[in-house]
């Protein structure tokens, strides 16, 4: 019979292995989505919307198959995690497993949202990189405007320093003139 610490160590190793699998799976999904987005955006640059739709249909079918396989893999992992979750929820391992289960559910819902978005309107999926590019250009423009504004503020600050220095010099000169007039009037 295994002792409680050996069981705990075994459960921790299983959880770490599951986390690694989930991370690898999520990375694979992200790579798949990035590849699909790049493929769609590059091919759409040179085709009309009708040509895009006709050329996207086989790729959508491939993506659907991949998504179905991914969903089956997620469901399989969910079943395995459900079996592990039956471990006492009060232990730290049970809490970790519950947290992983929640992450898998969130990933699954995000995957379903992505699938719906691709199937509903491929044109919208293609427009995301274009919007990202426009947003990046807008950020660059705002940054340049802010830099120009900062330079203008520095110039105004320098002009104010010169103006205050001039005013101070004039005040000292007028005070000196008043004192010299006062001294000459007392001598006379």
Foldseek 3Di string as FASTA:
>chain_A
DDDPVVVVVVLVVVLVVLVVVVVVLVVVVVVVLVVLLVVLQVVVVPDDPVVSVVVCVVVLVVVVVVLVVSVVVLVVSLVVLVVSLVPDCVDPSNVSSVVVNVVSVVVNVVSVVVNCVCVVDVVVSNCVVVVVVVVVVVVVVVVVVVVVVVVVVVVVVVVVVVVVVVVVVVVVVVVVVVVVVVVVVVVD
